[in-house]
């Protein structure tokens, strides 16, 4: 029932997008891509640039309307919509592990070392394995990847070493890899709906939370806790994706236009993300006490967490392959 109601709502919204776009020629291909993020977020801006570039590189044949701010639902709703063909594409991330558990590698703490490691994986043979697997298991086609800033830890007392984390109640997303990692670090990971995090920090219900700098700044966590620990424990990235059947129905020329647009949009994201990150650092670091612990003990404590995920077909192969690529960095 929930899915049918949601699909009906999506159909109405898509009709609004189509009606608002004006008359188009028979040669034009219309699609809708979604972002659950705010209009001024770098991910939404990148998706909008992707739409502009797709139109440019297809000589106007591709017309992509971008629905931002979660108007087509949250990430899970949008991912389901792509699978069902109700939505053409989106910018998505770790939510894909809810459809293929092996995709936990996309948001596995301490797996990717830095941006260069992500790029080497996604631009190489391992990235191609991920692409083919995602098509086979979910019907979702990866056009390109988009970098985010790493996740950092904010707390109500200083964290100068791994020992300081012991027993801390740390709010984490309700994802297996996150929970298992923070348990291995000695913390008490506490899943909590994101809208409740500010109040939970304010009341001391939790001792800390972890997120990228942009999220920390936007949600003003610096108002309720005083310390930020630069752990870089999760080097994040998102994926510009679309329904694979929809992609395969396009002509080779339009497929090339889409992939070129996605690659150039990723480069655009890198430029605006650097500007935004400089701003976030100036705002957050100016309001909080910053600590930079030696992260080697953290990595050592979590090195075997991945073994808890060997039950998922294909996970170990991808995880170890990513780690092997990381030996170069």
Protein backbone atom coordinates (compact mmCIF):
# COMPACT_ATOMS: atom_id res chain seq x y z
CA UNK A 1 0.00 0.00 0.00
CA UNK A 2 2.79 2.43 0.94
CA UNK A 3 4.58 1.83 -2.35
CA UNK A 4 1.43 2.27 -4.45
CA UNK A 5 0.60 5.55 -2.72
CA UNK A 6 4.16 6.78 -3.17
CA UNK A 7 4.19 5.82 -6.85
CA UNK A 8 0.92 7.66 -7.38
CA UNK A 9 2.44 10.74 -5.80
CA UNK A 10 5.52 10.45 -7.97
CA UNK A 11 3.33 10.17 -11.07
CA UNK A 12 1.60 13.44 -10.18
CA UNK A 13 4.91 15.20 -9.54
CA UNK A 14 6.38 13.90 -12.78
CA UNK A 15 3.34 15.19 -14.63
CA UNK A 16 3.98 18.61 -13.12
CA UNK A 17 7.59 18.53 -14.32
CA UNK A 18 6.52 17.48 -17.82
CA UNK A 19 3.77 20.11 -18.02
CA UNK A 20 6.10 22.82 -16.80
CA UNK A 21 8.80 22.12 -19.35
CA UNK A 22 6.88 23.38 -22.41
CA UNK A 23 6.48 21.86 -25.84
CA UNK A 24 9.32 19.64 -27.08
CA UNK A 25 10.11 18.12 -30.41
CA UNK A 26 9.50 14.44 -31.11
CA UNK A 27 13.25 13.87 -31.12
CA UNK A 28 13.72 15.05 -27.57
CA UNK A 29 14.07 12.56 -24.72
CA UNK A 30 12.67 13.71 -21.39
CA UNK A 31 13.82 12.32 -18.06
CA UNK A 32 13.58 13.17 -14.37
CA UNK A 33 16.50 12.80 -11.95
CA UNK A 34 16.16 13.31 -8.20
CA UNK A 35 18.24 14.59 -5.31
CA UNK A 36 17.19 14.23 -1.67
CA UNK A 37 19.47 17.14 -0.78
CA UNK A 38 18.73 20.86 -0.47
CA UNK A 39 18.86 22.94 -3.68
CA UNK A 40 22.10 24.70 -2.65
CA UNK A 41 23.87 21.50 -1.57
CA UNK A 42 26.82 20.63 -3.80
CA UNK A 43 25.20 17.32 -4.74
CA UNK A 44 22.00 18.96 -5.97
CA UNK A 45 23.98 21.64 -7.78
CA UNK A 46 26.08 18.94 -9.43
CA UNK A 47 22.99 17.07 -10.59
CA UNK A 48 21.60 20.28 -12.06
CA UNK A 49 24.89 20.86 -13.89
CA UNK A 50 24.71 17.29 -15.18
CA UNK A 51 21.28 18.04 -16.65
CA UNK A 52 22.58 21.19 -18.32
CA UNK A 53 25.58 19.37 -19.77
CA UNK A 54 23.44 16.46 -21.00
CA UNK A 55 21.30 18.90 -22.96
CA UNK A 56 24.39 20.63 -24.35
CA UNK A 57 26.21 17.45 -25.37
CA UNK A 58 23.09 16.00 -27.01
CA UNK A 59 22.38 19.17 -29.01
CA UNK A 60 19.19 19.67 -27.04
CA UNK A 61 17.83 16.13 -27.45
CA UNK A 62 18.18 15.22 -23.77
CA UNK A 63 15.97 17.23 -21.46
CA UNK A 64 16.50 16.27 -17.81
CA UNK A 65 14.38 17.86 -15.10
CA UNK A 66 16.02 17.75 -11.67
CA UNK A 67 13.80 17.36 -8.60
CA UNK A 68 15.79 18.50 -5.55
CA UNK A 69 15.08 18.78 -1.84
CA UNK A 70 13.54 15.33 -1.57
CA UNK A 71 10.32 16.27 -3.39
CA UNK A 72 10.24 12.76 -4.90
CA UNK A 73 10.98 11.16 -1.54
CA UNK A 74 14.04 10.15 0.44
CA UNK A 75 16.96 8.21 -0.98
CA UNK A 76 15.34 4.83 -0.40
CA UNK A 77 12.11 5.93 -2.09
CA UNK A 78 14.04 7.29 -5.06
CA UNK A 79 16.15 4.13 -5.38
CA UNK A 80 12.97 2.04 -5.40
CA UNK A 81 11.50 4.42 -7.97
CA UNK A 82 14.50 3.94 -10.25
CA UNK A 83 14.20 0.17 -9.99
CA UNK A 84 10.52 0.34 -10.85
CA UNK A 85 11.01 2.85 -13.66
CA UNK A 86 8.98 5.57 -11.91
CA UNK A 87 12.08 7.79 -11.69
CA UNK A 88 14.79 7.84 -14.36
CA UNK A 89 17.80 8.58 -12.21
CA UNK A 90 19.28 10.25 -9.13
CA UNK A 91 22.33 10.97 -7.07
CA UNK A 92 22.60 8.20 -4.44
CA UNK A 93 25.13 6.64 -2.08
CA UNK A 94 25.22 4.09 0.71
CA UNK A 95 21.45 3.54 0.56
CA UNK A 96 22.15 1.06 -2.25
CA UNK A 97 23.36 -1.47 0.30
CA UNK A 98 19.71 -1.89 1.30
CA UNK A 99 19.15 -3.44 -2.14
CA UNK A 100 22.48 -5.28 -2.45
CA UNK A 101 24.25 -5.81 0.92
CA UNK A 102 27.64 -6.11 -0.79
CA UNK A 103 27.31 -2.40 -1.63
CA UNK A 104 28.13 -1.69 2.01
CA UNK A 105 31.61 -1.15 0.56
CA UNK A 106 30.40 2.22 -0.72
CA UNK A 107 30.21 3.51 2.86
CA UNK A 108 32.52 1.27 4.85
CA UNK A 109 34.55 3.17 7.48
CA UNK A 110 38.33 3.01 7.15
CA UNK A 111 38.17 1.26 3.77
CA UNK A 112 39.01 4.12 1.42
CA UNK A 113 42.12 6.06 2.46
CA UNK A 114 41.56 9.28 0.53
CA UNK A 115 40.00 10.75 -2.61
CA UNK A 116 42.81 9.38 -4.80
CA UNK A 117 42.05 5.86 -3.53
CA UNK A 118 38.35 6.27 -4.43
CA UNK A 119 39.27 7.52 -7.89
CA UNK A 120 41.72 4.66 -8.52
CA UNK A 121 39.03 2.15 -7.58
CA UNK A 122 36.10 3.66 -9.44
CA UNK A 123 38.10 4.44 -12.60
CA UNK A 124 39.67 0.98 -12.73
CA UNK A 125 38.74 -2.71 -12.98
CA UNK A 126 37.23 -2.83 -9.48
CA UNK A 127 34.94 0.05 -10.35
CA UNK A 128 33.80 -1.84 -13.42
CA UNK A 129 33.02 -4.87 -11.24
CA UNK A 130 30.91 -2.65 -8.99
CA UNK A 131 29.08 -1.23 -12.01
CA UNK A 132 28.30 -4.62 -13.49
CA UNK A 133 27.26 -6.06 -10.14
CA UNK A 134 24.88 -3.18 -9.44
CA UNK A 135 23.20 -3.63 -12.82
CA UNK A 136 22.84 -7.37 -12.23
CA UNK A 137 21.50 -7.11 -8.68
CA UNK A 138 19.42 -3.93 -8.80
CA UNK A 139 18.99 -2.85 -12.42
CA UNK A 140 20.71 0.45 -11.60
CA UNK A 141 23.36 1.87 -13.94
CA UNK A 142 26.23 4.03 -12.62
CA UNK A 143 27.02 7.00 -14.86
CA UNK A 144 29.79 8.43 -12.65
CA UNK A 145 30.77 9.16 -9.05
CA UNK A 146 30.77 12.42 -7.10
CA UNK A 147 33.10 13.09 -4.16
CA UNK A 148 32.01 14.29 -0.74
CA UNK A 149 34.09 15.47 2.21
CA UNK A 150 35.08 12.86 4.84
CA UNK A 151 33.03 12.19 7.96
CA UNK A 152 34.35 13.69 11.21
CA UNK A 153 33.44 13.17 14.87
CA UNK A 154 31.88 15.87 17.07
CA UNK A 155 31.59 15.24 20.83
CA UNK A 156 30.80 16.82 24.18
CA UNK A 157 34.29 16.11 25.50
CA UNK A 158 37.69 16.02 23.77
CA UNK A 159 38.87 12.95 21.87
CA UNK A 160 42.66 12.99 21.66
CA UNK A 161 43.16 9.25 21.29
CA UNK A 162 41.19 6.07 20.69
CA UNK A 163 40.97 5.49 24.46
CA UNK A 164 38.82 8.61 24.81
CA UNK A 165 36.08 7.05 22.65
CA UNK A 166 35.53 4.08 24.97
CA UNK A 167 31.95 3.96 26.22
CA UNK A 168 30.87 7.10 24.36
CA UNK A 169 27.35 7.07 22.96
CA UNK A 170 27.92 8.01 19.34
CA UNK A 171 24.95 8.57 17.05
CA UNK A 172 25.47 6.71 13.77
CA UNK A 173 23.27 5.90 10.76
CA UNK A 174 21.38 2.63 11.10
CA UNK A 175 23.73 0.74 8.78
CA UNK A 176 25.49 -2.47 9.76
CA UNK A 177 28.98 -1.33 8.79
CA UNK A 178 28.74 1.84 10.88
CA UNK A 179 27.42 0.03 13.94
CA UNK A 180 30.02 -2.72 13.76
CA UNK A 181 32.86 -0.24 13.27
CA UNK A 182 32.03 1.93 16.26
CA UNK A 183 31.56 -1.12 18.46
CA UNK A 184 35.05 -2.26 17.46
CA UNK A 185 36.36 1.17 18.46
CA UNK A 186 34.92 0.69 21.96
CA UNK A 187 32.09 3.18 21.60
CA UNK A 188 28.40 2.60 22.16
CA UNK A 189 26.94 3.30 18.69
CA UNK A 190 23.41 4.64 18.93
CA UNK A 191 21.15 4.72 15.86
CA UNK A 192 18.91 7.77 15.92
CA UNK A 193 16.73 9.54 13.38
CA UNK A 194 18.74 12.45 12.02
CA UNK A 195 16.21 15.20 12.93
CA UNK A 196 16.61 14.15 16.58
CA UNK A 197 20.42 14.45 16.68
CA UNK A 198 20.68 18.14 17.65
CA UNK A 199 18.35 17.74 20.65
CA UNK A 200 20.02 14.47 21.68
CA UNK A 201 23.41 16.21 21.73
CA UNK A 202 21.94 19.18 23.59
CA UNK A 203 20.38 16.96 26.28
CA UNK A 204 23.35 14.59 26.50
CA UNK A 205 21.29 11.63 25.33
CA UNK A 206 24.25 10.94 23.06
CA UNK A 207 27.84 12.10 23.53
CA UNK A 208 28.60 12.70 19.90
CA UNK A 209 27.80 12.16 16.26
CA UNK A 210 29.76 11.82 13.02
CA UNK A 211 29.13 13.51 9.68
CA UNK A 212 30.85 15.54 6.95
CA UNK A 213 31.74 19.14 7.78
CA UNK A 214 28.94 20.49 5.61
CA UNK A 215 26.34 18.61 7.65
CA UNK A 216 27.95 19.67 10.93
CA UNK A 217 27.84 23.31 9.85
CA UNK A 218 24.36 23.27 8.32
CA UNK A 219 22.84 21.68 11.43
CA UNK A 220 24.78 23.90 13.87
CA UNK A 221 26.08 21.02 15.97
CA UNK A 222 28.77 23.43 17.17
CA UNK A 223 26.06 25.07 19.28
CA UNK A 224 25.56 21.97 21.44
CA UNK A 225 28.98 20.27 21.55
CA UNK A 226 32.40 21.87 21.75
CA UNK A 227 34.80 19.38 20.19
CA UNK A 228 35.50 18.12 16.69
CA UNK A 229 37.91 15.27 16.03
CA UNK A 230 39.32 15.04 12.51
CA UNK A 231 39.08 11.29 12.00
CA UNK A 232 38.39 11.20 8.24
CA UNK A 233 37.07 7.73 9.02
CA UNK A 234 34.83 7.56 5.98
CA UNK A 235 35.96 9.05 2.69
CA UNK A 236 32.62 9.60 1.05
CA UNK A 237 31.33 9.66 -2.48
CA UNK A 238 27.99 9.54 -4.23
CA UNK A 239 26.87 8.03 -7.52
CA UNK A 240 24.98 9.56 -10.44
CA UNK A 241 22.79 6.61 -11.41
CA UNK A 242 19.83 5.74 -13.63
CA UNK A 243 17.56 2.87 -14.54
CA UNK A 244 19.65 0.53 -16.71
CA UNK A 245 16.79 -0.47 -19.02
CA UNK A 246 16.12 3.19 -19.67
CA UNK A 247 19.80 3.73 -20.41
CA UNK A 248 19.98 0.77 -22.79
CA UNK A 249 16.98 2.05 -24.77
CA UNK A 250 18.85 5.26 -25.63
CA UNK A 251 20.85 5.55 -28.83
CA UNK A 252 24.65 5.20 -28.53
CA UNK A 253 24.95 8.93 -29.19
CA UNK A 254 22.68 9.82 -26.27
CA UNK A 255 24.41 7.28 -24.03
CA UNK A 256 27.73 8.98 -24.79
CA UNK A 257 26.19 12.39 -24.09
CA UNK A 258 24.98 11.18 -20.68
CA UNK A 259 28.28 9.63 -19.64
CA UNK A 260 30.22 12.70 -20.81
CA UNK A 261 27.84 14.98 -18.92
CA UNK A 262 28.22 12.90 -15.75
CA UNK A 263 32.04 12.96 -15.97
CA UNK A 264 32.11 16.72 -16.45
CA UNK A 265 29.56 17.24 -13.68
CA UNK A 266 31.84 15.26 -11.36
CA UNK A 267 34.67 17.66 -12.17
CA UNK A 268 32.33 20.59 -11.54
CA UNK A 269 31.48 19.06 -8.15
CA UNK A 270 35.17 18.92 -7.22
CA UNK A 271 35.52 22.64 -7.90
CA UNK A 272 32.51 23.79 -5.91
CA UNK A 273 33.17 21.30 -3.10
CA UNK A 274 36.63 22.77 -2.55
CA UNK A 275 35.12 26.26 -2.21
CA UNK A 276 32.41 25.06 0.14
CA UNK A 277 34.80 23.01 2.26
CA UNK A 278 37.09 26.01 2.81
CA UNK A 279 34.05 27.91 4.07
CA UNK A 280 32.85 25.05 6.30
CA UNK A 281 36.31 24.72 7.85
CA UNK A 282 36.51 28.43 8.61
CA UNK A 283 33.09 28.38 10.27
CA UNK A 284 33.30 25.10 12.19
CA UNK A 285 36.96 25.24 13.24
CA UNK A 286 36.41 28.78 14.47
CA UNK A 287 33.65 27.63 16.82
CA UNK A 288 34.97 24.28 18.09
CA UNK A 289 38.11 22.85 19.65
CA UNK A 290 39.86 20.73 17.01
CA UNK A 291 41.81 17.55 17.78
CA UNK A 292 43.80 15.39 15.35
CA UNK A 293 44.51 11.98 16.91
CA UNK A 294 46.86 9.37 15.53
CA UNK A 295 44.46 7.27 13.50
CA UNK A 296 46.62 4.15 13.16
CA UNK A 297 45.23 2.55 16.37
CA UNK A 298 41.70 3.21 15.06
CA UNK A 299 42.46 1.41 11.80
CA UNK A 300 44.08 -1.47 13.68
CA UNK A 301 41.03 -1.83 15.94
CA UNK A 302 38.67 -2.06 12.97
CA UNK A 303 40.77 -4.07 10.51
CA UNK A 304 38.71 -7.25 10.94
CA UNK A 305 35.23 -5.68 11.03
CA UNK A 306 34.74 -6.64 7.38
CA UNK A 307 34.75 -10.33 8.36
CA UNK A 308 31.29 -9.84 9.85
CA UNK A 309 30.03 -9.23 6.30
CA UNK A 310 31.40 -12.34 4.62
CA UNK A 311 27.88 -13.77 4.65
CA UNK A 312 27.00 -11.43 1.81
CA UNK A 313 27.81 -12.88 -1.59
CA UNK A 314 30.47 -10.87 -3.39
CA UNK A 315 31.30 -8.59 -0.46
CA UNK A 316 34.70 -10.08 0.44
CA UNK A 317 35.95 -10.05 -3.14
CA UNK A 318 35.12 -6.37 -3.59
CA UNK A 319 36.33 -5.34 -0.13
CA UNK A 320 39.72 -7.02 -0.47
CA UNK A 321 40.16 -5.72 -4.02
CA UNK A 322 39.54 -2.16 -2.82
CA UNK A 323 41.98 -2.63 0.03
CA UNK A 324 44.60 -3.97 -2.37
CA UNK A 325 44.27 -0.88 -4.56
CA UNK A 326 44.72 1.20 -1.41
CA UNK A 327 48.18 -0.26 -0.78
CA UNK A 328 49.44 2.23 -3.38
CA UNK A 329 48.31 5.20 -1.29
